[in-house]
Amino acid sequence: EYAPEAKASGLVHPSGMRIHLIYNGVTAEEGNVLLDAPIKRPG
């Protein structure tokens, strides 16, 4: 599940849980834009 063309890396835990890291983010000055910014956007 490693797809460099999609900038995605699938990770798996021994329990079977999976996450995909989407590595195309840019650093935001306000931190996590969904939780740290004063305006609470959906997501």
All heavy atoms as atom14 arrays in JSON, in Angstrom:
{
  "sequence": "EYAPEAKASGLVHPSGMRIHLIYNGVTAEEGNVLLDAPIKRPG",
  "atom14_mask": [
    [1, 1, 1, 1, 1, 1, 1, 1, 1, 0, 0, 0, 0, 0],
    [1, 1, 1, 1, 1, 1, 1, 1, 1, 1, 1, 1, 0, 0],
    [1, 1, 1, 1, 1, 0, 0, 0, 0, 0, 0, 0, 0, 0],
    [1, 1, 1, 1, 1, 1, 1, 0, 0, 0, 0, 0, 0, 0],
    [1, 1, 1, 1, 1, 1, 1, 1, 1, 0, 0, 0, 0, 0],
    [1, 1, 1, 1, 1, 0, 0, 0, 0, 0, 0, 0, 0, 0],
    [1, 1, 1, 1, 1, 1, 1, 1, 1, 0, 0, 0, 0, 0],
    [1, 1, 1, 1, 1, 0, 0, 0, 0, 0, 0, 0, 0, 0],
    [1, 1, 1, 1, 1, 1, 0, 0, 0, 0, 0, 0, 0, 0],
    [1, 1, 1, 1, 0, 0, 0, 0, 0, 0, 0, 0, 0, 0],
    [1, 1, 1, 1, 1, 1, 1, 1, 0, 0, 0, 0, 0, 0],
    [1, 1, 1, 1, 1, 1, 1, 0, 0, 0, 0, 0, 0, 0],
    [1, 1, 1, 1, 1, 1, 1, 1, 1, 1, 0, 0, 0, 0],
    [1, 1, 1, 1, 1, 1, 1, 0, 0, 0, 0, 0, 0, 0],
    [1, 1, 1, 1, 1, 1, 0, 0, 0, 0, 0, 0, 0, 0],
    [1, 1, 1, 1, 0, 0, 0, 0, 0, 0, 0, 0, 0, 0],
    [1, 1, 1, 1, 1, 1, 1, 1, 0, 0, 0, 0, 0, 0],
    [1, 1, 1, 1, 1, 1, 1, 1, 1, 1, 1, 0, 0, 0],
    [1, 1, 1, 1, 1, 1, 1, 1, 0, 0, 0, 0, 0, 0],
    [1, 1, 1, 1, 1, 1, 1, 1, 1, 1, 0, 0, 0, 0],
    [1, 1, 1, 1, 1, 1, 1, 1, 0, 0, 0, 0, 0, 0],
    [1, 1, 1, 1, 1, 1, 1, 1, 0, 0, 0, 0, 0, 0],
    [1, 1, 1, 1, 1, 1, 1, 1, 1, 1, 1, 1, 0, 0],
    [1, 1, 1, 1, 1, 1, 1, 1, 0, 0, 0, 0, 0, 0],
    [1, 1, 1, 1, 0, 0, 0, 0, 0, 0, 0, 0, 0, 0],
    [1, 1, 1, 1, 1, 1, 1, 0, 0, 0, 0, 0, 0, 0],
    [1, 1, 1, 1, 1, 1, 1, 0, 0, 0, 0, 0, 0, 0],
    [1, 1, 1, 1, 1, 0, 0, 0, 0, 0, 0, 0, 0, 0],
    [1, 1, 1, 1, 1, 1, 1, 1, 1, 0, 0, 0, 0, 0],
    [1, 1, 1, 1, 1, 1, 1, 1, 1, 0, 0, 0, 0, 0],
    [1, 1, 1, 1, 0, 0, 0, 0, 0, 0, 0, 0, 0, 0],
    [1, 1, 1, 1, 1, 1, 1, 1, 0, 0, 0, 0, 0, 0],
    [1, 1, 1, 1, 1, 1, 1, 0, 0, 0, 0, 0, 0, 0],
    [1, 1, 1, 1, 1, 1, 1, 1, 0, 0, 0, 0, 0, 0],
    [1, 1, 1, 1, 1, 1, 1, 1, 0, 0, 0, 0, 0, 0],
    [1, 1, 1, 1, 1, 1, 1, 1, 0, 0, 0, 0, 0, 0],
    [1, 1, 1, 1, 1, 0, 0, 0, 0, 0, 0, 0, 0, 0],
    [1, 1, 1, 1, 1, 1, 1, 0, 0, 0, 0, 0, 0, 0],
    [1, 1, 1, 1, 1, 1, 1, 1, 0, 0, 0, 0, 0, 0],
    [1, 1, 1, 1, 1, 1, 1, 1, 1, 0, 0, 0, 0, 0],
    [1, 1, 1, 1, 1, 1, 1, 1, 1, 1, 1, 0, 0, 0],
    [1, 1, 1, 1, 1, 1, 1, 0, 0, 0, 0, 0, 0, 0],
    [1, 1, 1, 1, 0, 0, 0, 0, 0, 0, 0, 0, 0, 0]
  ],
  "atom14_positions": [
    [[0.82, -1.22, 0.0], [0.0, 0.0, 0.0], [0.85, 1.27, 0.0], [0.44, 2.3, 0.51], [-0.95, -0.01, 1.19], [-1.97, -1.12, 1.09], [-3.12, -0.95, 2.05], [-3.36, 0.17, 2.54], [-3.79, -1.96, 2.31], [0.0, 0.0, 0.0], [0.0, 0.0, 0.0], [0.0, 0.0, 0.0], [0.0, 0.0, 0.0], [0.0, 0.0, 0.0]],
    [[2.04, 1.18, -0.55], [2.89, 2.35, -0.7], [2.74, 2.83, -2.14], [3.01, 2.09, -3.08], [4.35, 2.01, -0.39], [5.3, 3.15, -0.6], [5.16, 4.34, 0.12], [6.33, 3.06, -1.52], [6.02, 5.39, -0.07], [7.21, 4.11, -1.72], [7.05, 5.27, -1.0], [7.91, 6.33, -1.19], [0.0, 0.0, 0.0], [0.0, 0.0, 0.0]],
    [[2.23, 4.05, -2.31], [1.93, 4.58, -3.64], [2.55, 5.97, -3.8], [1.88, 6.98, -3.61], [0.42, 4.63, -3.86], [0.0, 0.0, 0.0], [0.0, 0.0, 0.0], [0.0, 0.0, 0.0], [0.0, 0.0, 0.0], [0.0, 0.0, 0.0], [0.0, 0.0, 0.0], [0.0, 0.0, 0.0], [0.0, 0.0, 0.0], [0.0, 0.0, 0.0]],
    [[3.85, 6.04, -4.13], [4.49, 7.35, -4.25], [3.83, 8.26, -5.28], [3.81, 9.47, -5.1], [5.93, 7.02, -4.64], [6.04, 5.56, -4.75], [4.75, 4.94, -4.39], [0.0, 0.0, 0.0], [0.0, 0.0, 0.0], [0.0, 0.0, 0.0], [0.0, 0.0, 0.0], [0.0, 0.0, 0.0], [0.0, 0.0, 0.0], [0.0, 0.0, 0.0]],
    [[3.26, 7.68, -6.34], [2.6, 8.52, -7.35], [1.38, 9.24, -6.78], [1.01, 10.31, -7.24], [2.2, 7.68, -8.58], [1.1, 6.65, -8.35], [1.53, 5.38, -7.62], [2.74, 5.2, -7.35], [0.64, 4.57, -7.32], [0.0, 0.0, 0.0], [0.0, 0.0, 0.0], [0.0, 0.0, 0.0], [0.0, 0.0, 0.0], [0.0, 0.0, 0.0]],
    [[0.79, 8.67, -5.73], [-0.37, 9.29, -5.07], [0.04, 10.0, -3.78], [-0.81, 10.53, -3.08], [-1.42, 8.24, -4.76], [0.0, 0.0, 0.0], [0.0, 0.0, 0.0], [0.0, 0.0, 0.0], [0.0, 0.0, 0.0], [0.0, 0.0, 0.0], [0.0, 0.0, 0.0], [0.0, 0.0, 0.0], [0.0, 0.0, 0.0], [0.0, 0.0, 0.0]],
    [[1.34, 9.99, -3.47], [1.86, 10.56, -2.22], [1.13, 9.94, -1.03], [0.66, 10.66, -0.13], [1.76, 12.07, -2.22], [2.61, 12.72, -3.28], [3.46, 13.8, -2.68], [4.33, 14.43, -3.73], [5.71, 14.25, -3.46], [0.0, 0.0, 0.0], [0.0, 0.0, 0.0], [0.0, 0.0, 0.0], [0.0, 0.0, 0.0], [0.0, 0.0, 0.0]],
    [[1.02, 8.61, -1.02], [0.33, 7.89, 0.05], [1.14, 6.69, 0.48], [1.72, 5.99, -0.35], [-1.06, 7.45, -0.42], [0.0, 0.0, 0.0], [0.0, 0.0, 0.0], [0.0, 0.0, 0.0], [0.0, 0.0, 0.0], [0.0, 0.0, 0.0], [0.0, 0.0, 0.0], [0.0, 0.0, 0.0], [0.0, 0.0, 0.0], [0.0, 0.0, 0.0]],
    [[1.16, 6.48, 1.79], [1.84, 5.31, 2.35], [0.9, 4.64, 3.33], [0.48, 5.24, 4.32], [3.13, 5.75, 3.06], [3.78, 4.63, 3.63], [0.0, 0.0, 0.0], [0.0, 0.0, 0.0], [0.0, 0.0, 0.0], [0.0, 0.0, 0.0], [0.0, 0.0, 0.0], [0.0, 0.0, 0.0], [0.0, 0.0, 0.0], [0.0, 0.0, 0.0]],
    [[0.55, 3.38, 3.04], [-0.31, 2.62, 3.94], [0.5, 1.98, 5.04], [1.54, 1.37, 4.79], [0.0, 0.0, 0.0], [0.0, 0.0, 0.0], [0.0, 0.0, 0.0], [0.0, 0.0, 0.0], [0.0, 0.0, 0.0], [0.0, 0.0, 0.0], [0.0, 0.0, 0.0], [0.0, 0.0, 0.0], [0.0, 0.0, 0.0], [0.0, 0.0, 0.0]],
    [[0.04, 2.14, 6.26], [0.69, 1.53, 7.41], [-0.3, 0.56, 8.06], [-1.5, 0.8, 8.07], [1.11, 2.59, 8.45], [1.94, 3.77, 7.97], [2.29, 4.68, 9.14], [3.19, 3.32, 7.25], [0.0, 0.0, 0.0], [0.0, 0.0, 0.0], [0.0, 0.0, 0.0], [0.0, 0.0, 0.0], [0.0, 0.0, 0.0], [0.0, 0.0, 0.0]],
    [[0.24, -0.51, 8.62], [-0.61, -1.5, 9.27], [-0.06, -1.78, 10.67], [1.15, -1.78, 10.89], [-0.72, -2.79, 8.42], [0.62, -3.48, 8.27], [-1.77, -3.72, 8.98], [0.0, 0.0, 0.0], [0.0, 0.0, 0.0], [0.0, 0.0, 0.0], [0.0, 0.0, 0.0], [0.0, 0.0, 0.0], [0.0, 0.0, 0.0], [0.0, 0.0, 0.0]],
    [[-0.96, -1.97, 11.6], [-0.65, -2.28, 13.0], [-0.79, -3.8, 13.17], [-1.56, -4.43, 12.45], [-1.67, -1.54, 13.88], [-1.39, -1.61, 15.33], [-1.86, -2.64, 16.12], [-0.69, -0.79, 16.14], [-1.47, -2.44, 17.36], [-0.76, -1.33, 17.39], [0.0, 0.0, 0.0], [0.0, 0.0, 0.0], [0.0, 0.0, 0.0], [0.0, 0.0, 0.0]],
    [[-0.07, -4.41, 14.11], [-0.21, -5.85, 14.32], [-1.66, -6.3, 14.58], [-2.02, -7.43, 14.28], [0.67, -6.14, 15.53], [1.69, -5.06, 15.52], [0.99, -3.85, 14.96], [0.0, 0.0, 0.0], [0.0, 0.0, 0.0], [0.0, 0.0, 0.0], [0.0, 0.0, 0.0], [0.0, 0.0, 0.0], [0.0, 0.0, 0.0], [0.0, 0.0, 0.0]],
    [[-2.49, -5.4, 15.08], [-3.9, -5.73, 15.34], [-4.72, -5.79, 14.06], [-5.86, -6.23, 14.08], [-4.51, -4.69, 16.27], [-4.62, -3.45, 15.59], [0.0, 0.0, 0.0], [0.0, 0.0, 0.0], [0.0, 0.0, 0.0], [0.0, 0.0, 0.0], [0.0, 0.0, 0.0], [0.0, 0.0, 0.0], [0.0, 0.0, 0.0], [0.0, 0.0, 0.0]],
    [[-4.15, -5.3, 12.95], [-4.87, -5.26, 11.68], [-5.38, -3.87, 11.34], [-5.84, -3.65, 10.21], [0.0, 0.0, 0.0], [0.0, 0.0, 0.0], [0.0, 0.0, 0.0], [0.0, 0.0, 0.0], [0.0, 0.0, 0.0], [0.0, 0.0, 0.0], [0.0, 0.0, 0.0], [0.0, 0.0, 0.0], [0.0, 0.0, 0.0], [0.0, 0.0, 0.0]],
    [[-5.33, -2.92, 12.28], [-5.76, -1.55, 11.96], [-4.84, -0.97, 10.89], [-3.64, -1.26, 10.87], [-5.66, -0.65, 13.2], [-6.67, -0.92, 14.25], [-6.54, 0.28, 15.6], [-4.92, -0.07, 16.25], [0.0, 0.0, 0.0], [0.0, 0.0, 0.0], [0.0, 0.0, 0.0], [0.0, 0.0, 0.0], [0.0, 0.0, 0.0], [0.0, 0.0, 0.0]],
    [[-5.42, -0.13, 10.05], [-4.65, 0.49, 8.97], [-4.84, 2.01, 8.97], [-5.93, 2.5, 9.27], [-5.09, -0.05, 7.61], [-4.76, -1.5, 7.43], [-5.17, -2.02, 6.04], [-4.63, -3.34, 5.86], [-3.38, -3.61, 5.47], [-2.56, -2.63, 5.2], [-2.96, -4.85, 5.35], [0.0, 0.0, 0.0], [0.0, 0.0, 0.0], [0.0, 0.0, 0.0]],
    [[-3.76, 2.71, 8.64], [-3.84, 4.14, 8.38], [-3.11, 4.39, 7.07], [-2.24, 3.62, 6.67], [-3.25, 5.01, 9.52], [-1.78, 4.7, 9.75], [-4.05, 4.85, 10.8], [-1.11, 5.6, 10.78], [0.0, 0.0, 0.0], [0.0, 0.0, 0.0], [0.0, 0.0, 0.0], [0.0, 0.0, 0.0], [0.0, 0.0, 0.0], [0.0, 0.0, 0.0]],
    [[-3.49, 5.45, 6.39], [-2.78, 5.89, 5.19], [-2.24, 7.28, 5.48], [-3.01, 8.18, 5.85], [-3.7, 5.94, 3.98], [-4.02, 4.6, 3.41], [-4.77, 4.44, 2.27], [-3.67, 3.35, 3.82], [-4.87, 3.15, 2.01], [-4.23, 2.47, 2.93], [0.0, 0.0, 0.0], [0.0, 0.0, 0.0], [0.0, 0.0, 0.0], [0.0, 0.0, 0.0]],
    [[-0.94, 7.43, 5.33], [-0.33, 8.75, 5.46], [-0.33, 9.38, 4.08], [0.25, 8.84, 3.14], [1.1, 8.63, 6.0], [1.23, 7.99, 7.38], [2.7, 7.87, 7.76], [0.45, 8.78, 8.43], [0.0, 0.0, 0.0], [0.0, 0.0, 0.0], [0.0, 0.0, 0.0], [0.0, 0.0, 0.0], [0.0, 0.0, 0.0], [0.0, 0.0, 0.0]],
    [[-1.01, 10.51, 3.97], [-1.06, 11.27, 2.73], [-0.02, 12.39, 2.89], [-0.21, 13.32, 3.68], [-2.46, 11.87, 2.49], [-3.56, 10.83, 2.72], [-2.54, 12.52, 1.11], [-3.44, 9.58, 1.89], [0.0, 0.0, 0.0], [0.0, 0.0, 0.0], [0.0, 0.0, 0.0], [0.0, 0.0, 0.0], [0.0, 0.0, 0.0], [0.0, 0.0, 0.0]],
    [[1.1, 12.28, 2.2], [2.22, 13.18, 2.46], [2.33, 14.3, 1.43], [3.33, 14.49, 0.77], [3.54, 12.41, 2.64], [3.94, 11.46, 1.53], [4.85, 11.86, 0.55], [3.46, 10.17, 1.48], [5.25, 10.99, -0.45], [3.85, 9.29, 0.49], [4.75, 9.71, -0.47], [5.15, 8.84, -1.46], [0.0, 0.0, 0.0], [0.0, 0.0, 0.0]],
    [[1.27, 15.1, 1.37], [1.28, 16.29, 0.52], [0.87, 17.53, 1.31], [0.47, 18.53, 0.73], [0.37, 16.1, -0.7], [-1.09, 15.88, -0.31], [-1.45, 15.89, 0.86], [-1.94, 15.67, -1.3], [0.0, 0.0, 0.0], [0.0, 0.0, 0.0], [0.0, 0.0, 0.0], [0.0, 0.0, 0.0], [0.0, 0.0, 0.0], [0.0, 0.0, 0.0]],
    [[0.97, 17.47, 2.63], [0.57, 18.59, 3.47], [1.6, 19.7, 3.49], [2.78, 19.49, 3.23], [0.0, 0.0, 0.0], [0.0, 0.0, 0.0], [0.0, 0.0, 0.0], [0.0, 0.0, 0.0], [0.0, 0.0, 0.0], [0.0, 0.0, 0.0], [0.0, 0.0, 0.0], [0.0, 0.0, 0.0], [0.0, 0.0, 0.0], [0.0, 0.0, 0.0]],
    [[1.13, 20.89, 3.8], [2.0, 22.03, 4.02], [1.79, 22.5, 5.46], [0.69, 22.38, 6.0], [1.72, 23.19, 3.03], [2.06, 22.78, 1.61], [0.29, 23.66, 3.12], [0.0, 0.0, 0.0], [0.0, 0.0, 0.0], [0.0, 0.0, 0.0], [0.0, 0.0, 0.0], [0.0, 0.0, 0.0], [0.0, 0.0, 0.0], [0.0, 0.0, 0.0]],
    [[2.83, 23.0, 6.07], [2.74, 23.45, 7.45], [1.85, 24.69, 7.53], [2.03, 25.64, 6.77], [4.14, 23.78, 8.0], [4.94, 22.6, 7.88], [4.07, 24.21, 9.45], [0.0, 0.0, 0.0], [0.0, 0.0, 0.0], [0.0, 0.0, 0.0], [0.0, 0.0, 0.0], [0.0, 0.0, 0.0], [0.0, 0.0, 0.0], [0.0, 0.0, 0.0]],
    [[0.89, 24.66, 8.43], [-0.01, 25.79, 8.63], [0.41, 26.54, 9.89], [0.68, 25.94, 10.92], [-1.45, 25.3, 8.78], [0.0, 0.0, 0.0], [0.0, 0.0, 0.0], [0.0, 0.0, 0.0], [0.0, 0.0, 0.0], [0.0, 0.0, 0.0], [0.0, 0.0, 0.0], [0.0, 0.0, 0.0], [0.0, 0.0, 0.0], [0.0, 0.0, 0.0]],
    [[0.47, 27.85, 9.8], [0.88, 28.67, 10.94], [-0.03, 28.48, 12.14], [0.42, 28.53, 13.28], [0.91, 30.15, 10.55], [2.04, 30.49, 9.62], [2.06, 31.97, 9.27], [1.53, 32.78, 10.05], [2.62, 32.3, 8.22], [0.0, 0.0, 0.0], [0.0, 0.0, 0.0], [0.0, 0.0, 0.0], [0.0, 0.0, 0.0], [0.0, 0.0, 0.0]],
    [[-1.33, 28.25, 11.89], [-2.27, 28.11, 12.99], [-2.34, 26.71, 13.56], [-3.15, 26.42, 14.41], [-3.66, 28.6, 12.59], [-4.32, 27.81, 11.46], [-3.99, 28.34, 10.07], [-4.67, 29.22, 9.57], [-3.02, 27.82, 9.48], [0.0, 0.0, 0.0], [0.0, 0.0, 0.0], [0.0, 0.0, 0.0], [0.0, 0.0, 0.0], [0.0, 0.0, 0.0]],
    [[-1.47, 25.8, 13.09], [-1.49, 24.43, 13.59], [-2.48, 23.6, 12.82], [-2.56, 23.67, 11.6], [0.0, 0.0, 0.0], [0.0, 0.0, 0.0], [0.0, 0.0, 0.0], [0.0, 0.0, 0.0], [0.0, 0.0, 0.0], [0.0, 0.0, 0.0], [0.0, 0.0, 0.0], [0.0, 0.0, 0.0], [0.0, 0.0, 0.0], [0.0, 0.0, 0.0]],
    [[-3.28, 22.82, 13.51], [-4.31, 21.98, 12.9], [-5.48, 22.88, 12.54], [-6.18, 23.39, 13.42], [-4.72, 20.89, 13.89], [-5.77, 19.95, 13.33], [-6.75, 20.38, 12.75], [-5.56, 18.67, 13.55], [0.0, 0.0, 0.0], [0.0, 0.0, 0.0], [0.0, 0.0, 0.0], [0.0, 0.0, 0.0], [0.0, 0.0, 0.0], [0.0, 0.0, 0.0]],
    [[-5.72, 23.09, 11.24], [-6.73, 24.06, 10.81], [-8.15, 23.66, 11.19], [-9.03, 24.51, 11.26], [-6.66, 24.35, 9.29], [-5.33, 25.01, 8.93], [-6.88, 23.11, 8.48], [0.0, 0.0, 0.0], [0.0, 0.0, 0.0], [0.0, 0.0, 0.0], [0.0, 0.0, 0.0], [0.0, 0.0, 0.0], [0.0, 0.0, 0.0], [0.0, 0.0, 0.0]],
    [[-8.4, 22.38, 11.47], [-9.74, 21.98, 11.89], [-9.96, 22.2, 13.38], [-11.09, 22.41, 13.8], [-9.98, 20.5, 11.56], [-10.07, 20.19, 10.07], [-10.21, 18.7, 9.87], [-11.24, 20.92, 9.43], [0.0, 0.0, 0.0], [0.0, 0.0, 0.0], [0.0, 0.0, 0.0], [0.0, 0.0, 0.0], [0.0, 0.0, 0.0], [0.0, 0.0, 0.0]],
    [[-8.9, 22.16, 14.17], [-9.08, 22.26, 15.62], [-8.49, 23.52, 16.23], [-8.99, 24.01, 17.24], [-8.48, 21.03, 16.3], [-9.21, 19.73, 15.99], [-8.43, 18.55, 16.53], [-10.6, 19.76, 16.59], [0.0, 0.0, 0.0], [0.0, 0.0, 0.0], [0.0, 0.0, 0.0], [0.0, 0.0, 0.0], [0.0, 0.0, 0.0], [0.0, 0.0, 0.0]],
    [[-7.41, 24.03, 15.68], [-6.69, 25.13, 16.32], [-7.1, 26.51, 15.83], [-6.86, 27.51, 16.5], [-5.18, 24.95, 16.14], [-4.68, 23.64, 16.75], [-5.29, 23.16, 17.71], [-3.7, 23.1, 16.24], [0.0, 0.0, 0.0], [0.0, 0.0, 0.0], [0.0, 0.0, 0.0], [0.0, 0.0, 0.0], [0.0, 0.0, 0.0], [0.0, 0.0, 0.0]],
    [[-7.67, 26.59, 14.65], [-8.09, 27.88, 14.1], [-9.38, 28.33, 14.78], [-10.19, 27.5, 15.2], [-8.29, 27.78, 12.59], [0.0, 0.0, 0.0], [0.0, 0.0, 0.0], [0.0, 0.0, 0.0], [0.0, 0.0, 0.0], [0.0, 0.0, 0.0], [0.0, 0.0, 0.0], [0.0, 0.0, 0.0], [0.0, 0.0, 0.0], [0.0, 0.0, 0.0]],
    [[-9.58, 29.64, 14.91], [-10.78, 30.14, 15.6], [-12.09, 29.77, 14.89], [-13.1, 29.54, 15.55], [-10.59, 31.65, 15.66], [-9.45, 31.97, 14.76], [-8.69, 30.71, 14.49], [0.0, 0.0, 0.0], [0.0, 0.0, 0.0], [0.0, 0.0, 0.0], [0.0, 0.0, 0.0], [0.0, 0.0, 0.0], [0.0, 0.0, 0.0], [0.0, 0.0, 0.0]],
    [[-12.08, 29.68, 13.58], [-13.28, 29.28, 12.85], [-13.25, 27.76, 12.71], [-12.29, 27.2, 12.18], [-13.33, 29.95, 11.46], [-13.44, 31.46, 11.62], [-14.5, 29.4, 10.64], [-13.32, 32.23, 10.33], [0.0, 0.0, 0.0], [0.0, 0.0, 0.0], [0.0, 0.0, 0.0], [0.0, 0.0, 0.0], [0.0, 0.0, 0.0], [0.0, 0.0, 0.0]],
    [[-14.28, 27.1, 13.2], [-14.33, 25.63, 13.19], [-14.97, 25.15, 11.89], [-16.17, 25.25, 11.71], [-15.1, 25.1, 14.4], [-14.51, 25.54, 15.73], [-13.06, 25.1, 15.86], [-12.46, 25.54, 17.17], [-11.03, 25.64, 17.15], [0.0, 0.0, 0.0], [0.0, 0.0, 0.0], [0.0, 0.0, 0.0], [0.0, 0.0, 0.0], [0.0, 0.0, 0.0]],
    [[-14.15, 24.66, 11.0], [-14.61, 24.16, 9.71], [-14.96, 22.68, 9.81], [-14.41, 21.97, 10.64], [-13.52, 24.36, 8.67], [-13.11, 25.83, 8.55], [-12.24, 26.07, 7.34], [-11.72, 27.42, 7.32], [-12.4, 28.51, 7.0], [-13.66, 28.41, 6.68], [-11.83, 29.69, 7.0], [0.0, 0.0, 0.0], [0.0, 0.0, 0.0], [0.0, 0.0, 0.0]],
    [[-15.86, 22.19, 8.96], [-16.18, 20.77, 8.99], [-15.0, 19.94, 8.5], [-14.19, 20.39, 7.7], [-17.37, 20.64, 8.04], [-17.44, 21.9, 7.27], [-16.65, 22.94, 7.99], [0.0, 0.0, 0.0], [0.0, 0.0, 0.0], [0.0, 0.0, 0.0], [0.0, 0.0, 0.0], [0.0, 0.0, 0.0], [0.0, 0.0, 0.0], [0.0, 0.0, 0.0]],
    [[-14.92, 18.72, 8.98], [-13.88, 17.79, 8.57], [-13.6, 16.8, 9.68], [-14.11, 16.93, 10.79], [0.0, 0.0, 0.0], [0.0, 0.0, 0.0], [0.0, 0.0, 0.0], [0.0, 0.0, 0.0], [0.0, 0.0, 0.0], [0.0, 0.0, 0.0], [0.0, 0.0, 0.0], [0.0, 0.0, 0.0], [0.0, 0.0, 0.0], [0.0, 0.0, 0.0]]
  ]
}
